Amino acid sequence: MPGLLRGVARTAVVAGTATAVSNRVSRRQTGRWAQQDYEQQQQQQQYAQPQQQPAPPPPPASAPAPAPAAGDDMTNKIDQLKQLADLKTQGVLTDEEFEAQKRRLLS
């Protein structure tokens, strides 16, 4: 029975990590789409302006999407550490397994 619980705990940790990565990718993709929409709107506004006024210079080349804030990454790690601690408290993870998962998460 303890082996089954450890397997379930590992699956929970992997699923939590996958969810965190997926959320981070989604946020980054949403930021890129928002930047593209903004640039398209700026271009449309330039063409819609009367020809009497000189058009302002085009916006600079698309800057790379900002990297996720370090706080987001740290928050995810803290949440995952809390989950690991809960699993250890419940007896699902041994001390060695907890330490190994913690080292993997913090590296």
PDB file of N, CA and C in Angstrom:
ATOM      1  N   MET A   1       0.817  -1.203   0.000  1.00  0.00           N
ATOM      2  CA  MET A   1       0.000   0.000   0.000  1.00  0.00           C
ATOM      3  C   MET A   1       0.860   1.266   0.000  1.00  0.00           C
ATOM      4  N   PRO A   2       1.977   1.331   0.777  1.00  0.00           N
ATOM      5  CA  PRO A   2       2.793   2.547   0.744  1.00  0.00           C
ATOM      6  C   PRO A   2       3.354   2.824  -0.652  1.00  0.00           C
ATOM      7  N   GLY A   3       3.671   1.780  -1.416  1.00  0.00           N
ATOM      8  CA  GLY A   3       4.179   1.991  -2.776  1.00  0.00           C
ATOM      9  C   GLY A   3       3.141   2.651  -3.658  1.00  0.00           C
ATOM     10  N   LEU A   4       1.904   2.265  -3.493  1.00  0.00           N
ATOM     11  CA  LEU A   4       0.819   2.863  -4.273  1.00  0.00           C
ATOM     12  C   LEU A   4       0.656   4.331  -3.920  1.00  0.00           C
ATOM     13  N   LEU A   5       0.726   4.634  -2.634  1.00  0.00           N
ATOM     14  CA  LEU A   5       0.600   6.022  -2.201  1.00  0.00           C
ATOM     15  C   LEU A   5       1.750   6.876  -2.722  1.00  0.00           C
ATOM     16  N   ARG A   6       2.955   6.312  -2.729  1.00  0.00           N
ATOM     17  CA  ARG A   6       4.097   7.057  -3.262  1.00  0.00           C
ATOM     18  C   ARG A   6       3.907   7.338  -4.743  1.00  0.00           C
ATOM     19  N   GLY A   7       3.388   6.356  -5.456  1.00  0.00           N
ATOM     20  CA  GLY A   7       3.123   6.547  -6.881  1.00  0.00           C
ATOM     21  C   GLY A   7       2.100   7.640  -7.109  1.00  0.00           C
ATOM     22  N   VAL A   8       1.072   7.649  -6.289  1.00  0.00           N
ATOM     23  CA  VAL A   8       0.044   8.687  -6.394  1.00  0.00           C
ATOM     24  C   VAL A   8       0.657  10.048  -6.065  1.00  0.00           C
ATOM     25  N   ALA A   9       1.510  10.089  -5.066  1.00  0.00           N
ATOM     26  CA  ALA A   9       2.137  11.352  -4.682  1.00  0.00           C
ATOM     27  C   ALA A   9       3.034  11.869  -5.805  1.00  0.00           C
ATOM     28  N   ARG A  10       3.793  10.988  -6.403  1.00  0.00           N
ATOM     29  CA  ARG A  10       4.650  11.406  -7.510  1.00  0.00           C
ATOM     30  C   ARG A  10       3.815  11.932  -8.670  1.00  0.00           C
ATOM     31  N   THR A  11       2.732  11.242  -8.951  1.00  0.00           N
ATOM     32  CA  THR A  11       1.842  11.691 -10.025  1.00  0.00           C
ATOM     33  C   THR A  11       1.295  13.074  -9.711  1.00  0.00           C
ATOM     34  N   ALA A  12       0.934  13.316  -8.459  1.00  0.00           N
ATOM     35  CA  ALA A  12       0.410  14.627  -8.069  1.00  0.00           C
ATOM     36  C   ALA A  12       1.471  15.714  -8.257  1.00  0.00           C
ATOM     37  N   VAL A  13       2.703  15.402  -7.907  1.00  0.00           N
ATOM     38  CA  VAL A  13       3.788  16.377  -8.061  1.00  0.00           C
ATOM     39  C   VAL A  13       4.030  16.664  -9.532  1.00  0.00           C
ATOM     40  N   VAL A  14       4.059  15.630 -10.347  1.00  0.00           N
ATOM     41  CA  VAL A  14       4.270  15.814 -11.784  1.00  0.00           C
ATOM     42  C   VAL A  14       3.124  16.616 -12.384  1.00  0.00           C
ATOM     43  N   ALA A  15       1.899  16.289 -11.996  1.00  0.00           N
ATOM     44  CA  ALA A  15       0.741  17.015 -12.523  1.00  0.00           C
ATOM     45  C   ALA A  15       0.783  18.481 -12.101  1.00  0.00           C
ATOM     46  N   GLY A  16       1.168  18.745 -10.872  1.00  0.00           N
ATOM     47  CA  GLY A  16       1.276  20.125 -10.410  1.00  0.00           C
ATOM     48  C   GLY A  16       2.334  20.898 -11.179  1.00  0.00           C
ATOM     49  N   THR A  17       3.467  20.252 -11.445  1.00  0.00           N
ATOM     50  CA  THR A  17       4.514  20.891 -12.220  1.00  0.00           C
ATOM     51  C   THR A  17       4.045  21.165 -13.642  1.00  0.00           C
ATOM     52  N   ALA A  18       3.368  20.184 -14.241  1.00  0.00           N
ATOM     53  CA  ALA A  18       2.861  20.363 -15.601  1.00  0.00           C
ATOM     54  C   ALA A  18       1.852  21.503 -15.655  1.00  0.00           C
ATOM     55  N   THR A  19       1.020  21.605 -14.654  1.00  0.00           N
ATOM     56  CA  THR A  19       0.030  22.690 -14.617  1.00  0.00           C
ATOM     57  C   THR A  19       0.727  24.041 -14.522  1.00  0.00           C
ATOM     58  N   ALA A  20       1.737  24.133 -13.684  1.00  0.00           N
ATOM     59  CA  ALA A  20       2.456  25.403 -13.534  1.00  0.00           C
ATOM     60  C   ALA A  20       3.121  25.809 -14.850  1.00  0.00           C
ATOM     61  N   VAL A  21       3.742  24.854 -15.523  1.00  0.00           N
ATOM     62  CA  VAL A  21       4.394  25.145 -16.797  1.00  0.00           C
ATOM     63  C   VAL A  21       3.360  25.563 -17.834  1.00  0.00           C
ATOM     64  N   SER A  22       2.253  24.848 -17.881  1.00  0.00           N
ATOM     65  CA  SER A  22       1.192  25.168 -18.837  1.00  0.00           C
ATOM     66  C   SER A  22       0.652  26.572 -18.603  1.00  0.00           C
ATOM     67  N   ASN A  23       0.440  26.930 -17.353  1.00  0.00           N
ATOM     68  CA  ASN A  23      -0.054  28.278 -17.039  1.00  0.00           C
ATOM     69  C   ASN A  23       0.941  29.348 -17.469  1.00  0.00           C
ATOM     70  N   ARG A  24       2.213  29.099 -17.252  1.00  0.00           N
ATOM     71  CA  ARG A  24       3.237  30.065 -17.626  1.00  0.00           C
ATOM     72  C   ARG A  24       3.275  30.242 -19.145  1.00  0.00           C
ATOM     73  N   VAL A  25       3.185  29.143 -19.891  1.00  0.00           N
ATOM     74  CA  VAL A  25       3.170  29.215 -21.350  1.00  0.00           C
ATOM     75  C   VAL A  25       1.932  29.965 -21.828  1.00  0.00           C
ATOM     76  N   SER A  26       0.794  29.714 -21.216  1.00  0.00           N
ATOM     77  CA  SER A  26      -0.446  30.400 -21.606  1.00  0.00           C
ATOM     78  C   SER A  26      -0.336  31.901 -21.381  1.00  0.00           C
ATOM     79  N   ARG A  27       0.230  32.306 -20.232  1.00  0.00           N
ATOM     80  CA  ARG A  27       0.392  33.734 -19.959  1.00  0.00           C
ATOM     81  C   ARG A  27       1.317  34.378 -20.986  1.00  0.00           C
ATOM     82  N   ARG A  28       2.402  33.708 -21.323  1.00  0.00           N
ATOM     83  CA  ARG A  28       3.348  34.250 -22.293  1.00  0.00           C
ATOM     84  C   ARG A  28       2.686  34.386 -23.669  1.00  0.00           C
ATOM     85  N   GLN A  29       1.930  33.356 -24.077  1.00  0.00           N
ATOM     86  CA  GLN A  29       1.258  33.390 -25.370  1.00  0.00           C
ATOM     87  C   GLN A  29       0.219  34.511 -25.403  1.00  0.00           C
ATOM     88  N   THR A  30      -0.527  34.691 -24.328  1.00  0.00           N
ATOM     89  CA  THR A  30      -1.523  35.752 -24.259  1.00  0.00           C
ATOM     90  C   THR A  30      -0.852  37.118 -24.390  1.00  0.00           C
ATOM     91  N   GLY A  31       0.286  37.284 -23.768  1.00  0.00           N
ATOM     92  CA  GLY A  31       1.030  38.540 -23.884  1.00  0.00           C
ATOM     93  C   GLY A  31       1.470  38.810 -25.317  1.00  0.00           C
ATOM     94  N   ARG A  32       1.923  37.781 -26.001  1.00  0.00           N
ATOM     95  CA  ARG A  32       2.345  37.947 -27.392  1.00  0.00           C
ATOM     96  C   ARG A  32       1.162  38.331 -28.272  1.00  0.00           C
ATOM     97  N   TRP A  33       0.031  37.685 -28.064  1.00  0.00           N
ATOM     98  CA  TRP A  33      -1.151  38.003 -28.866  1.00  0.00           C
ATOM     99  C   TRP A  33      -1.612  39.428 -28.607  1.00  0.00           C
ATOM    100  N   ALA A  34      -1.566  39.841 -27.364  1.00  0.00           N
ATOM    101  CA  ALA A  34      -1.974  41.208 -27.031  1.00  0.00           C
ATOM    102  C   ALA A  34      -1.045  42.210 -27.719  1.00  0.00           C
ATOM    103  N   GLN A  35       0.248  41.934 -27.759  1.00  0.00           N
ATOM    104  CA  GLN A  35       1.217  42.815 -28.419  1.00  0.00           C
ATOM    105  C   GLN A  35       0.925  42.889 -29.913  1.00  0.00           C
ATOM    106  N   GLN A  36       0.614  41.750 -30.531  1.00  0.00           N
ATOM    107  CA  GLN A  36       0.294  41.737 -31.960  1.00  0.00           C
ATOM    108  C   GLN A  36      -0.980  42.530 -32.232  1.00  0.00           C
ATOM    109  N   ASP A  37      -1.991  42.360 -31.398  1.00  0.00           N
ATOM    110  CA  ASP A  37      -3.240  43.109 -31.572  1.00  0.00           C
ATOM    111  C   ASP A  37      -2.982  44.611 -31.455  1.00  0.00           C
ATOM    112  N   TYR A  38      -2.167  44.991 -30.503  1.00  0.00           N
ATOM    113  CA  TYR A  38      -1.853  46.405 -30.306  1.00  0.00           C
ATOM    114  C   TYR A  38      -1.161  46.970 -31.550  1.00  0.00           C
ATOM    115  N   GLU A  39      -0.194  46.239 -32.077  1.00  0.00           N
ATOM    116  CA  GLU A  39       0.522  46.703 -33.260  1.00  0.00           C
ATOM    117  C   GLU A  39      -0.417  46.829 -34.463  1.00  0.00           C
ATOM    118  N   GLN A  40      -1.324  45.876 -34.620  1.00  0.00           N
ATOM    119  CA  GLN A  40      -2.278  45.949 -35.728  1.00  0.00           C
ATOM    120  C   GLN A  40      -3.188  47.157 -35.578  1.00  0.00           C
ATOM    121  N   GLN A  41      -3.643  47.435 -34.380  1.00  0.00           N
ATOM    122  CA  GLN A  41      -4.498  48.594 -34.153  1.00  0.00           C
ATOM    123  C   GLN A  41      -3.744  49.888 -34.463  1.00  0.00           C
ATOM    124  N   GLN A  42      -2.481  49.953 -34.085  1.00  0.00           N
ATOM    125  CA  GLN A  42      -1.685  51.140 -34.368  1.00  0.00           C
ATOM    126  C   GLN A  42      -1.528  51.347 -35.872  1.00  0.00           C
ATOM    127  N   GLN A  43      -1.307  50.263 -36.605  1.00  0.00           N
ATOM    128  CA  GLN A  43      -1.167  50.366 -38.055  1.00  0.00           C
ATOM    129  C   GLN A  43      -2.486  50.810 -38.688  1.00  0.00           C
ATOM    130  N   GLN A  44      -3.597  50.287 -38.217  1.00  0.00           N
ATOM    131  CA  GLN A  44      -4.892  50.671 -38.764  1.00  0.00           C
ATOM    132  C   GLN A  44      -5.183  52.137 -38.476  1.00  0.00           C
ATOM    133  N   GLN A  45      -4.823  52.613 -37.316  1.00  0.00           N
ATOM    134  CA  GLN A  45      -5.041  54.016 -36.980  1.00  0.00           C
ATOM    135  C   GLN A  45      -4.188  54.924 -37.858  1.00  0.00           C
ATOM    136  N   GLN A  46      -2.994  54.489 -38.192  1.00  0.00           N
ATOM    137  CA  GLN A  46      -2.132  55.283 -39.065  1.00  0.00           C
ATOM    138  C   GLN A  46      -2.775  55.454 -40.438  1.00  0.00           C
ATOM    139  N   TYR A  47      -3.339  54.396 -40.988  1.00  0.00           N
ATOM    140  CA  TYR A  47      -3.950  54.457 -42.308  1.00  0.00           C
ATOM    141  C   TYR A  47      -5.282  55.211 -42.279  1.00  0.00           C
ATOM    142  N   ALA A  48      -5.941  55.239 -41.141  1.00  0.00           N
ATOM    143  CA  ALA A  48      -7.238  55.900 -41.038  1.00  0.00           C
ATOM    144  C   ALA A  48      -7.095  57.411 -40.847  1.00  0.00           C
ATOM    145  N   GLN A  49      -5.921  57.902 -40.508  1.00  0.00           N
ATOM    146  CA  GLN A  49      -5.725  59.331 -40.291  1.00  0.00           C
ATOM    147  C   GLN A  49      -5.806  60.085 -41.622  1.00  0.00           C
ATOM    148  N   PRO A  50      -6.287  61.330 -41.610  1.00  0.00           N
ATOM    149  CA  PRO A  50      -6.327  62.123 -42.844  1.00  0.00           C
ATOM    150  C   PRO A  50      -4.920  62.304 -43.401  1.00  0.00           C
ATOM    151  N   GLN A  51      -4.816  62.411 -44.704  1.00  0.00           N
ATOM    152  CA  GLN A  51      -3.521  62.513 -45.366  1.00  0.00           C
ATOM    153  C   GLN A  51      -2.864  63.881 -45.181  1.00  0.00           C
ATOM    154  N   GLN A  52      -3.593  64.867 -44.653  1.00  0.00           N
ATOM    155  CA  GLN A  52      -3.050  66.208 -44.479  1.00  0.00           C
ATOM    156  C   GLN A  52      -1.929  66.225 -43.434  1.00  0.00           C
ATOM    157  N   GLN A  53      -2.065  65.397 -42.413  1.00  0.00           N
ATOM    158  CA  GLN A  53      -1.069  65.367 -41.357  1.00  0.00           C
ATOM    159  C   GLN A  53      -0.050  64.270 -41.653  1.00  0.00           C
ATOM    160  N   PRO A  54       1.211  64.537 -41.408  1.00  0.00           N
ATOM    161  CA  PRO A  54       2.189  63.459 -41.598  1.00  0.00           C
ATOM    162  C   PRO A  54       1.957  62.357 -40.561  1.00  0.00           C
ATOM    163  N   ALA A  55       2.067  61.152 -41.016  1.00  0.00           N
ATOM    164  CA  ALA A  55       1.848  60.013 -40.131  1.00  0.00           C
ATOM    165  C   ALA A  55       3.006  59.914 -39.145  1.00  0.00           C
ATOM    166  N   PRO A  56       2.701  59.570 -37.885  1.00  0.00           N
ATOM    167  CA  PRO A  56       3.798  59.390 -36.927  1.00  0.00           C
ATOM    168  C   PRO A  56       4.639  58.179 -37.342  1.00  0.00           C
ATOM    169  N   PRO A  57       5.866  58.130 -36.892  1.00  0.00           N
ATOM    170  CA  PRO A  57       6.718  56.996 -37.273  1.00  0.00           C
ATOM    171  C   PRO A  57       6.110  55.686 -36.761  1.00  0.00           C
ATOM    172  N   PRO A  58       6.343  54.606 -37.480  1.00  0.00           N
ATOM    173  CA  PRO A  58       5.790  53.320 -37.046  1.00  0.00           C
ATOM    174  C   PRO A  58       6.402  52.905 -35.714  1.00  0.00           C
ATOM    175  N   PRO A  59       5.678  52.091 -34.950  1.00  0.00           N
ATOM    176  CA  PRO A  59       6.233  51.646 -33.666  1.00  0.00           C
ATOM    177  C   PRO A  59       7.491  50.823 -33.901  1.00  0.00           C
ATOM    178  N   PRO A  60       8.383  50.800 -32.943  1.00  0.00           N
ATOM    179  CA  PRO A  60       9.613  50.020 -33.102  1.00  0.00           C
ATOM    180  C   PRO A  60       9.287  48.541 -33.301  1.00  0.00           C
ATOM    181  N   ALA A  61      10.247  47.836 -33.818  1.00  0.00           N
ATOM    182  CA  ALA A  61      10.066  46.404 -34.056  1.00  0.00           C
ATOM    183  C   ALA A  61       9.578  45.731 -32.784  1.00  0.00           C
ATOM    184  N   SER A  62       8.811  44.691 -32.983  1.00  0.00           N
ATOM    185  CA  SER A  62       8.219  43.990 -31.854  1.00  0.00           C
ATOM    186  C   SER A  62       9.301  43.529 -30.889  1.00  0.00           C
ATOM    187  N   ALA A  63       9.177  43.988 -29.683  1.00  0.00           N
ATOM    188  CA  ALA A  63      10.114  43.568 -28.643  1.00  0.00           C
ATOM    189  C   ALA A  63       9.725  42.176 -28.175  1.00  0.00           C
ATOM    190  N   PRO A  64      10.678  41.381 -27.758  1.00  0.00           N
ATOM    191  CA  PRO A  64      10.322  40.045 -27.267  1.00  0.00           C
ATOM    192  C   PRO A  64       9.399  40.166 -26.056  1.00  0.00           C
ATOM    193  N   ALA A  65       8.533  39.191 -25.942  1.00  0.00           N
ATOM    194  CA  ALA A  65       7.597  39.193 -24.815  1.00  0.00           C
ATOM    195  C   ALA A  65       8.397  39.175 -23.514  1.00  0.00           C
ATOM    196  N   PRO A  66       7.946  39.933 -22.522  1.00  0.00           N
ATOM    197  CA  PRO A  66       8.692  39.953 -21.266  1.00  0.00           C
ATOM    198  C   PRO A  66       8.700  38.573 -20.631  1.00  0.00           C
ATOM    199  N   ALA A  67       9.811  38.259 -20.038  1.00  0.00           N
ATOM    200  CA  ALA A  67       9.918  36.970 -19.340  1.00  0.00           C
ATOM    201  C   ALA A  67       8.992  36.996 -18.135  1.00  0.00           C
ATOM    202  N   PRO A  68       8.498  35.834 -17.728  1.00  0.00           N
ATOM    203  CA  PRO A  68       7.633  35.813 -16.553  1.00  0.00           C
ATOM    204  C   PRO A  68       8.363  36.413 -15.360  1.00  0.00           C
ATOM    205  N   ALA A  69       7.646  37.115 -14.571  1.00  0.00           N
ATOM    206  CA  ALA A  69       8.244  37.747 -13.399  1.00  0.00           C
ATOM    207  C   ALA A  69       8.808  36.685 -12.465  1.00  0.00           C
ATOM    208  N   ALA A  70       9.908  37.025 -11.849  1.00  0.00           N
ATOM    209  CA  ALA A  70      10.529  36.081 -10.926  1.00  0.00           C
ATOM    210  C   ALA A  70       9.579  35.751  -9.790  1.00  0.00           C
ATOM    211  N   GLY A  71       8.716  36.690  -9.432  1.00  0.00           N
ATOM    212  CA  GLY A  71       7.764  36.456  -8.355  1.00  0.00           C
ATOM    213  C   GLY A  71       6.792  35.348  -8.705  1.00  0.00           C
ATOM    214  N   ASP A  72       6.346  35.279  -9.995  1.00  0.00           N
ATOM    215  CA  ASP A  72       5.432  34.216 -10.404  1.00  0.00           C
ATOM    216  C   ASP A  72       6.092  32.856 -10.259  1.00  0.00           C
ATOM    217  N   ASP A  73       7.338  32.766 -10.721  1.00  0.00           N
ATOM    218  CA  ASP A  73       8.051  31.501 -10.643  1.00  0.00           C
ATOM    219  C   ASP A  73       8.262  31.102  -9.183  1.00  0.00           C
ATOM    220  N   MET A  74       8.613  32.070  -8.352  1.00  0.00           N
ATOM    221  CA  MET A  74       8.846  31.777  -6.939  1.00  0.00           C
ATOM    222  C   MET A  74       7.548  31.367  -6.272  1.00  0.00           C
ATOM    223  N   THR A  75       6.447  32.012  -6.629  1.00  0.00           N
ATOM    224  CA  THR A  75       5.155  31.660  -6.048  1.00  0.00           C
ATOM    225  C   THR A  75       4.791  30.223  -6.404  1.00  0.00           C
ATOM    226  N   ASN A  76       5.032  29.838  -7.659  1.00  0.00           N
ATOM    227  CA  ASN A  76       4.744  28.462  -8.075  1.00  0.00           C
ATOM    228  C   ASN A  76       5.589  27.468  -7.281  1.00  0.00           C
ATOM    229  N   LYS A  77       6.860  27.801  -7.092  1.00  0.00           N
ATOM    230  CA  LYS A  77       7.737  26.900  -6.346  1.00  0.00           C
ATOM    231  C   LYS A  77       7.283  26.779  -4.892  1.00  0.00           C
ATOM    232  N   ILE A  78       6.885  27.896  -4.314  1.00  0.00           N
ATOM    233  CA  ILE A  78       6.420  27.859  -2.922  1.00  0.00           C
ATOM    234  C   ILE A  78       5.172  27.000  -2.810  1.00  0.00           C
ATOM    235  N   ASP A  79       4.243  27.162  -3.754  1.00  0.00           N
ATOM    236  CA  ASP A  79       3.021  26.353  -3.738  1.00  0.00           C
ATOM    237  C   ASP A  79       3.350  24.863  -3.856  1.00  0.00           C
ATOM    238  N   GLN A  80       4.287  24.542  -4.734  1.00  0.00           N
ATOM    239  CA  GLN A  80       4.653  23.135  -4.903  1.00  0.00           C
ATOM    240  C   GLN A  80       5.345  22.592  -3.661  1.00  0.00           C
ATOM    241  N   LEU A  81       6.172  23.418  -3.017  1.00  0.00           N
ATOM    242  CA  LEU A  81       6.811  22.981  -1.774  1.00  0.00           C
ATOM    243  C   LEU A  81       5.773  22.727  -0.686  1.00  0.00           C
ATOM    244  N   LYS A  82       4.740  23.560  -0.628  1.00  0.00           N
ATOM    245  CA  LYS A  82       3.674  23.348   0.352  1.00  0.00           C
ATOM    246  C   LYS A  82       2.950  22.036   0.076  1.00  0.00           C
ATOM    247  N   GLN A  83       2.717  21.736  -1.202  1.00  0.00           N
ATOM    248  CA  GLN A  83       2.066  20.470  -1.540  1.00  0.00           C
ATOM    249  C   GLN A  83       2.931  19.292  -1.116  1.00  0.00           C
ATOM    250  N   LEU A  84       4.239  19.402  -1.376  1.00  0.00           N
ATOM    251  CA  LEU A  84       5.149  18.334  -0.965  1.00  0.00           C
ATOM    252  C   LEU A  84       5.137  18.168   0.553  1.00  0.00           C
ATOM    253  N   ALA A  85       5.145  19.289   1.268  1.00  0.00           N
ATOM    254  CA  ALA A  85       5.132  19.218   2.735  1.00  0.00           C
ATOM    255  C   ALA A  85       3.848  18.564   3.234  1.00  0.00           C
ATOM    256  N   ASP A  86       2.721  18.880   2.592  1.00  0.00           N
ATOM    257  CA  ASP A  86       1.452  18.249   2.982  1.00  0.00           C
ATOM    258  C   ASP A  86       1.509  16.746   2.757  1.00  0.00           C
ATOM    259  N   LEU A  87       2.067  16.333   1.624  1.00  0.00           N
ATOM    260  CA  LEU A  87       2.174  14.902   1.333  1.00  0.00           C
ATOM    261  C   LEU A  87       3.089  14.212   2.349  1.00  0.00           C
ATOM    262  N   LYS A  88       4.163  14.892   2.737  1.00  0.00           N
ATOM    263  CA  LYS A  88       5.070  14.327   3.736  1.00  0.00           C
ATOM    264  C   LYS A  88       4.358  14.218   5.076  1.00  0.00           C
ATOM    265  N   THR A  89       3.607  15.257   5.449  1.00  0.00           N
ATOM    266  CA  THR A  89       2.876  15.260   6.715  1.00  0.00           C
ATOM    267  C   THR A  89       1.848  14.130   6.759  1.00  0.00           C
ATOM    268  N   GLN A  90       1.222  13.868   5.634  1.00  0.00           N
ATOM    269  CA  GLN A  90       0.220  12.798   5.550  1.00  0.00           C
ATOM    270  C   GLN A  90       0.860  11.414   5.540  1.00  0.00           C
ATOM    271  N   GLY A  91       2.179  11.379   5.394  1.00  0.00           N
ATOM    272  CA  GLY A  91       2.866  10.095   5.388  1.00  0.00           C
ATOM    273  C   GLY A  91       2.946   9.473   4.008  1.00  0.00           C
ATOM    274  N   VAL A  92       2.567  10.220   2.982  1.00  0.00           N
ATOM    275  CA  VAL A  92       2.613   9.697   1.618  1.00  0.00           C
ATOM    276  C   VAL A  92       4.049   9.661   1.120  1.00  0.00           C
ATOM    277  N   LEU A  93       4.830  10.683   1.465  1.00  0.00           N
ATOM    278  CA  LEU A  93       6.236  10.745   1.070  1.00  0.00           C
ATOM    279  C   LEU A  93       7.134  10.477   2.268  1.00  0.00           C
ATOM    280  N   THR A  94       8.217   9.772   2.019  1.00  0.00           N
ATOM    281  CA  THR A  94       9.212   9.580   3.074  1.00  0.00           C
ATOM    282  C   THR A  94      10.094  10.816   3.126  1.00  0.00           C
ATOM    283  N   ASP A  95      10.925  10.904   4.162  1.00  0.00           N
ATOM    284  CA  ASP A  95      11.835  12.042   4.276  1.00  0.00           C
ATOM    285  C   ASP A  95      12.772  12.116   3.070  1.00  0.00           C
ATOM    286  N   GLU A  96      13.268  10.951   2.636  1.00  0.00           N
ATOM    287  CA  GLU A  96      14.196  10.919   1.510  1.00  0.00           C
ATOM    288  C   GLU A  96      13.507  11.382   0.228  1.00  0.00           C
ATOM    289  N   GLU A  97      12.279  10.913   0.010  1.00  0.00           N
ATOM    290  CA  GLU A  97      11.544  11.311  -1.199  1.00  0.00           C
ATOM    291  C   GLU A  97      11.238  12.813  -1.172  1.00  0.00           C
ATOM    292  N   PHE A  98      10.870  13.306   0.007  1.00  0.00           N
ATOM    293  CA  PHE A  98      10.582  14.729   0.140  1.00  0.00           C
ATOM    294  C   PHE A  98      11.818  15.555  -0.185  1.00  0.00           C
ATOM    295  N   GLU A  99      12.953  15.176   0.369  1.00  0.00           N
ATOM    296  CA  GLU A  99      14.192  15.917   0.129  1.00  0.00           C
ATOM    297  C   GLU A  99      14.589  15.864  -1.343  1.00  0.00           C
ATOM    298  N   ALA A 100      14.427  14.692  -1.980  1.00  0.00           N
ATOM    299  CA  ALA A 100      14.774  14.556  -3.392  1.00  0.00           C
ATOM    300  C   ALA A 100      13.881  15.454  -4.251  1.00  0.00           C
ATOM    301  N   GLN A 101      12.585  15.456  -3.967  1.00  0.00           N
ATOM    302  CA  GLN A 101      11.660  16.303  -4.736  1.00  0.00           C
ATOM    303  C   GLN A 101      11.944  17.785  -4.497  1.00  0.00           C
ATOM    304  N   LYS A 102      12.283  18.119  -3.269  1.00  0.00           N
ATOM    305  CA  LYS A 102      12.582  19.508  -2.933  1.00  0.00           C
ATOM    306  C   LYS A 102      13.831  19.970  -3.673  1.00  0.00           C
ATOM    307  N   ARG A 103      14.874  19.137  -3.698  1.00  0.00           N
ATOM    308  CA  ARG A 103      16.107  19.493  -4.417  1.00  0.00           C
ATOM    309  C   ARG A 103      15.814  19.668  -5.906  1.00  0.00           C
ATOM    310  N   ARG A 104      15.008  18.764  -6.475  1.00  0.00           N
ATOM    311  CA  ARG A 104      14.671  18.836  -7.895  1.00  0.00           C
ATOM    312  C   ARG A 104      13.910  20.127  -8.191  1.00  0.00           C
ATOM    313  N   LEU A 105      13.008  20.477  -7.333  1.00  0.00           N
ATOM    314  CA  LEU A 105      12.186  21.661  -7.530  1.00  0.00           C
ATOM    315  C   LEU A 105      13.007  22.944  -7.410  1.00  0.00           C
ATOM    316  N   LEU A 106      13.930  22.984  -6.481  1.00  0.00           N
ATOM    317  CA  LEU A 106      14.704  24.203  -6.236  1.00  0.00           C
ATOM    318  C   LEU A 106      15.920  24.341  -7.132  1.00  0.00           C
ATOM    319  N   SER A 107      16.250  23.284  -7.861  1.00  0.00           N
ATOM    320  CA  SER A 107      17.439  23.384  -8.749  1.00  0.00           C
ATOM    321  C   SER A 107      17.100  24.059 -10.043  1.00  0.00           C
TER     322      SER A 107
END
